[in-house]
Amino acid sequence: MRKFEIHDLDVNAFVAELNNCTGQVWMTTDEGDRINLMSAFCRIVGLMSIVQGGTLSHAMIECENLEDESRLFRLNLYGKVEEK
């Protein structure tokens, strides 16, 4: 599993894409916390720690599934994900 950084990402779009993920997705905060974003409770707690003005300020994302990684990376890069 590889990690990639997210910056200034729309929270609603990110959560919508998380709902499409099939494997585990973890977020590592600057403080070193590793949060499982596939758990609704952990997602709320984790996202609250990095949301600033409706966008995700900065975090490291790690995906179990390569397709999930590609989906979230494209969202971070382009701001949207093209549907197949």
N, C-alpha and C. Protein backbone atom coordinates (compact mmCIF):
# COMPACT_ATOMS: atom_id res chain seq x y z
N MET A 1 0.84 -1.18 0.00
CA MET A 1 0.00 0.00 0.00
C MET A 1 0.88 1.24 0.00
N ARG A 2 0.50 2.18 -0.83
CA ARG A 2 1.24 3.45 -0.91
C ARG A 2 0.40 4.55 -0.32
N LYS A 3 1.08 5.57 0.16
CA LYS A 3 0.38 6.73 0.71
C LYS A 3 0.48 7.88 -0.29
N PHE A 4 -0.54 8.73 -0.29
CA PHE A 4 -0.48 9.96 -1.07
C PHE A 4 -1.13 11.07 -0.26
N GLU A 5 -0.74 12.29 -0.54
CA GLU A 5 -1.25 13.45 0.20
C GLU A 5 -2.48 14.00 -0.48
N ILE A 6 -3.40 14.50 0.33
CA ILE A 6 -4.52 15.26 -0.20
C ILE A 6 -4.42 16.69 0.34
N HIS A 7 -4.81 17.63 -0.48
CA HIS A 7 -4.76 19.05 -0.13
C HIS A 7 -6.00 19.74 -0.65
N ASP A 8 -6.58 20.62 0.15
CA ASP A 8 -7.67 21.49 -0.29
C ASP A 8 -8.72 20.75 -1.12
N LEU A 9 -9.26 19.68 -0.56
CA LEU A 9 -10.21 18.83 -1.26
C LEU A 9 -11.61 19.08 -0.70
N ASP A 10 -12.61 19.14 -1.57
CA ASP A 10 -13.99 19.34 -1.15
C ASP A 10 -14.45 18.16 -0.30
N VAL A 11 -14.95 18.44 0.90
CA VAL A 11 -15.35 17.39 1.84
C VAL A 11 -16.47 16.53 1.28
N ASN A 12 -17.50 17.15 0.71
CA ASN A 12 -18.64 16.39 0.19
C ASN A 12 -18.22 15.46 -0.95
N ALA A 13 -17.39 15.92 -1.84
CA ALA A 13 -16.92 15.08 -2.94
C ALA A 13 -16.06 13.93 -2.41
N PHE A 14 -15.24 14.21 -1.42
CA PHE A 14 -14.38 13.18 -0.85
C PHE A 14 -15.22 12.09 -0.17
N VAL A 15 -16.21 12.49 0.62
CA VAL A 15 -17.07 11.52 1.30
C VAL A 15 -17.86 10.70 0.27
N ALA A 16 -18.33 11.34 -0.78
CA ALA A 16 -19.06 10.62 -1.83
C ALA A 16 -18.17 9.55 -2.47
N GLU A 17 -16.91 9.88 -2.71
CA GLU A 17 -15.99 8.90 -3.30
C GLU A 17 -15.62 7.82 -2.30
N LEU A 18 -15.52 8.15 -1.02
CA LEU A 18 -15.27 7.13 0.00
C LEU A 18 -16.39 6.09 0.00
N ASN A 19 -17.61 6.53 -0.23
CA ASN A 19 -18.75 5.62 -0.27
C ASN A 19 -18.67 4.64 -1.43
N ASN A 20 -17.90 4.99 -2.47
CA ASN A 20 -17.71 4.11 -3.63
C ASN A 20 -16.53 3.16 -3.47
N CYS A 21 -15.73 3.34 -2.44
CA CYS A 21 -14.54 2.51 -2.23
C CYS A 21 -14.95 1.12 -1.75
N THR A 22 -14.21 0.10 -2.18
CA THR A 22 -14.53 -1.28 -1.82
C THR A 22 -13.60 -1.84 -0.75
N GLY A 23 -12.41 -1.29 -0.61
CA GLY A 23 -11.46 -1.76 0.39
C GLY A 23 -11.33 -0.76 1.53
N GLN A 24 -10.41 -1.05 2.44
CA GLN A 24 -10.16 -0.16 3.56
C GLN A 24 -9.39 1.08 3.10
N VAL A 25 -9.71 2.22 3.67
CA VAL A 25 -9.03 3.48 3.38
C VAL A 25 -8.66 4.11 4.72
N TRP A 26 -7.40 4.46 4.86
CA TRP A 26 -6.94 5.07 6.10
C TRP A 26 -6.42 6.48 5.84
N MET A 27 -6.60 7.34 6.82
CA MET A 27 -6.07 8.69 6.78
C MET A 27 -5.08 8.83 7.93
N THR A 28 -3.91 9.37 7.64
CA THR A 28 -2.92 9.64 8.68
C THR A 28 -2.81 11.15 8.82
N THR A 29 -3.04 11.64 10.02
CA THR A 29 -2.99 13.08 10.27
C THR A 29 -1.56 13.51 10.55
N ASP A 30 -1.34 14.81 10.60
CA ASP A 30 -0.02 15.35 10.91
C ASP A 30 0.43 14.95 12.31
N GLU A 31 -0.53 14.66 13.19
CA GLU A 31 -0.20 14.25 14.57
C GLU A 31 0.15 12.76 14.64
N GLY A 32 0.00 12.03 13.53
CA GLY A 32 0.33 10.61 13.51
C GLY A 32 -0.83 9.68 13.75
N ASP A 33 -2.05 10.21 13.89
CA ASP A 33 -3.23 9.37 14.07
C ASP A 33 -3.56 8.67 12.76
N ARG A 34 -3.88 7.38 12.83
CA ARG A 34 -4.27 6.60 11.65
C ARG A 34 -5.74 6.24 11.81
N ILE A 35 -6.57 6.78 10.92
CA ILE A 35 -8.02 6.69 11.06
C ILE A 35 -8.60 5.89 9.89
N ASN A 36 -9.43 4.89 10.22
CA ASN A 36 -10.09 4.08 9.20
C ASN A 36 -11.30 4.85 8.67
N LEU A 37 -11.22 5.33 7.45
CA LEU A 37 -12.29 6.16 6.89
C LEU A 37 -13.49 5.35 6.40
N MET A 38 -13.42 4.03 6.47
CA MET A 38 -14.57 3.22 6.08
C MET A 38 -15.54 3.05 7.25
N SER A 39 -15.13 3.41 8.44
CA SER A 39 -16.00 3.42 9.61
C SER A 39 -16.66 4.78 9.69
N ALA A 40 -17.99 4.83 9.74
CA ALA A 40 -18.70 6.12 9.77
C ALA A 40 -18.30 6.97 10.97
N PHE A 41 -18.17 6.36 12.13
CA PHE A 41 -17.79 7.12 13.33
C PHE A 41 -16.37 7.66 13.20
N CYS A 42 -15.44 6.82 12.79
CA CYS A 42 -14.05 7.26 12.63
C CYS A 42 -13.95 8.34 11.56
N ARG A 43 -14.75 8.21 10.50
CA ARG A 43 -14.74 9.20 9.42
C ARG A 43 -15.13 10.58 9.96
N ILE A 44 -16.18 10.62 10.77
CA ILE A 44 -16.62 11.91 11.34
C ILE A 44 -15.53 12.51 12.20
N VAL A 45 -14.99 11.72 13.10
CA VAL A 45 -13.95 12.21 14.01
C VAL A 45 -12.70 12.63 13.23
N GLY A 46 -12.29 11.82 12.28
CA GLY A 46 -11.09 12.11 11.51
C GLY A 46 -11.22 13.33 10.63
N LEU A 47 -12.33 13.45 9.93
CA LEU A 47 -12.51 14.58 9.03
C LEU A 47 -12.66 15.89 9.78
N MET A 48 -13.28 15.83 10.96
CA MET A 48 -13.43 17.05 11.76
C MET A 48 -12.07 17.65 12.12
N SER A 49 -11.07 16.80 12.24
CA SER A 49 -9.75 17.28 12.66
C SER A 49 -9.00 18.01 11.55
N ILE A 50 -9.39 17.81 10.28
CA ILE A 50 -8.64 18.44 9.19
C ILE A 50 -9.48 19.32 8.28
N VAL A 51 -10.77 19.50 8.59
CA VAL A 51 -11.63 20.34 7.75
C VAL A 51 -11.44 21.81 8.13
N GLN A 52 -11.22 22.62 7.11
CA GLN A 52 -11.11 24.06 7.30
C GLN A 52 -11.88 24.75 6.18
N GLY A 53 -12.98 25.41 6.54
CA GLY A 53 -13.77 26.14 5.55
C GLY A 53 -14.40 25.28 4.47
N GLY A 54 -14.82 24.07 4.80
CA GLY A 54 -15.48 23.20 3.83
C GLY A 54 -14.54 22.40 2.97
N THR A 55 -13.22 22.50 3.19
CA THR A 55 -12.27 21.69 2.44
C THR A 55 -11.37 20.93 3.41
N LEU A 56 -10.84 19.82 2.92
CA LEU A 56 -9.87 19.06 3.70
C LEU A 56 -8.52 19.73 3.51
N SER A 57 -7.93 20.20 4.58
CA SER A 57 -6.70 20.97 4.47
C SER A 57 -5.50 20.12 4.05
N HIS A 58 -5.21 19.05 4.79
CA HIS A 58 -4.05 18.23 4.46
C HIS A 58 -4.12 16.92 5.23
N ALA A 59 -3.83 15.82 4.56
CA ALA A 59 -3.74 14.52 5.21
C ALA A 59 -3.06 13.55 4.26
N MET A 60 -2.62 12.44 4.80
CA MET A 60 -2.07 11.34 4.02
C MET A 60 -3.14 10.26 3.92
N ILE A 61 -3.34 9.72 2.72
CA ILE A 61 -4.34 8.68 2.49
C ILE A 61 -3.62 7.41 2.07
N GLU A 62 -4.11 6.28 2.58
CA GLU A 62 -3.57 4.97 2.24
C GLU A 62 -4.74 4.04 1.96
N CYS A 63 -4.71 3.37 0.80
CA CYS A 63 -5.81 2.51 0.39
C CYS A 63 -5.35 1.07 0.27
N GLU A 64 -6.23 0.17 0.69
CA GLU A 64 -5.99 -1.26 0.58
C GLU A 64 -6.14 -1.71 -0.88
N ASN A 65 -7.07 -1.11 -1.60
CA ASN A 65 -7.43 -1.49 -2.96
C ASN A 65 -6.84 -0.47 -3.94
N LEU A 66 -6.16 -0.93 -4.96
CA LEU A 66 -5.52 -0.05 -5.94
C LEU A 66 -6.55 0.80 -6.69
N GLU A 67 -7.73 0.25 -6.98
CA GLU A 67 -8.77 1.03 -7.66
C GLU A 67 -9.26 2.19 -6.79
N ASP A 68 -9.38 1.95 -5.49
CA ASP A 68 -9.78 3.01 -4.56
C ASP A 68 -8.71 4.10 -4.53
N GLU A 69 -7.46 3.68 -4.50
CA GLU A 69 -6.36 4.64 -4.50
C GLU A 69 -6.41 5.51 -5.75
N SER A 70 -6.62 4.89 -6.90
CA SER A 70 -6.69 5.61 -8.16
C SER A 70 -7.85 6.61 -8.16
N ARG A 71 -9.01 6.17 -7.67
CA ARG A 71 -10.21 7.02 -7.61
C ARG A 71 -9.97 8.25 -6.74
N LEU A 72 -9.44 8.04 -5.54
CA LEU A 72 -9.23 9.15 -4.61
C LEU A 72 -8.08 10.06 -5.06
N PHE A 73 -7.06 9.47 -5.69
CA PHE A 73 -5.96 10.27 -6.21
C PHE A 73 -6.45 11.20 -7.33
N ARG A 74 -7.27 10.66 -8.23
CA ARG A 74 -7.82 11.48 -9.32
C ARG A 74 -8.71 12.59 -8.78
N LEU A 75 -9.49 12.28 -7.76
CA LEU A 75 -10.33 13.30 -7.13
C LEU A 75 -9.46 14.41 -6.57
N ASN A 76 -8.38 14.05 -5.90
CA ASN A 76 -7.47 15.04 -5.34
C ASN A 76 -6.81 15.87 -6.44
N LEU A 77 -6.43 15.22 -7.52
CA LEU A 77 -5.72 15.89 -8.61
C LEU A 77 -6.63 16.78 -9.46
N TYR A 78 -7.80 16.26 -9.83
CA TYR A 78 -8.67 16.96 -10.77
C TYR A 78 -9.93 17.57 -10.14
N GLY A 79 -10.25 17.19 -8.91
CA GLY A 79 -11.42 17.74 -8.25
C GLY A 79 -12.71 16.99 -8.56
N LYS A 80 -12.64 15.98 -9.41
CA LYS A 80 -13.79 15.14 -9.73
C LYS A 80 -13.30 13.82 -10.26
N VAL A 81 -14.19 12.84 -10.28
CA VAL A 81 -13.84 11.52 -10.79
C VAL A 81 -14.74 11.23 -11.97
N GLU A 82 -14.15 10.84 -13.08
CA GLU A 82 -14.92 10.49 -14.28
C GLU A 82 -15.57 9.13 -14.06
N GLU A 83 -16.86 9.03 -14.33
CA GLU A 83 -17.58 7.77 -14.21
C GLU A 83 -17.36 6.95 -15.46
N LYS A 84 -17.27 5.64 -15.27
CA LYS A 84 -17.05 4.72 -16.40
C LYS A 84 -18.33 4.39 -17.10
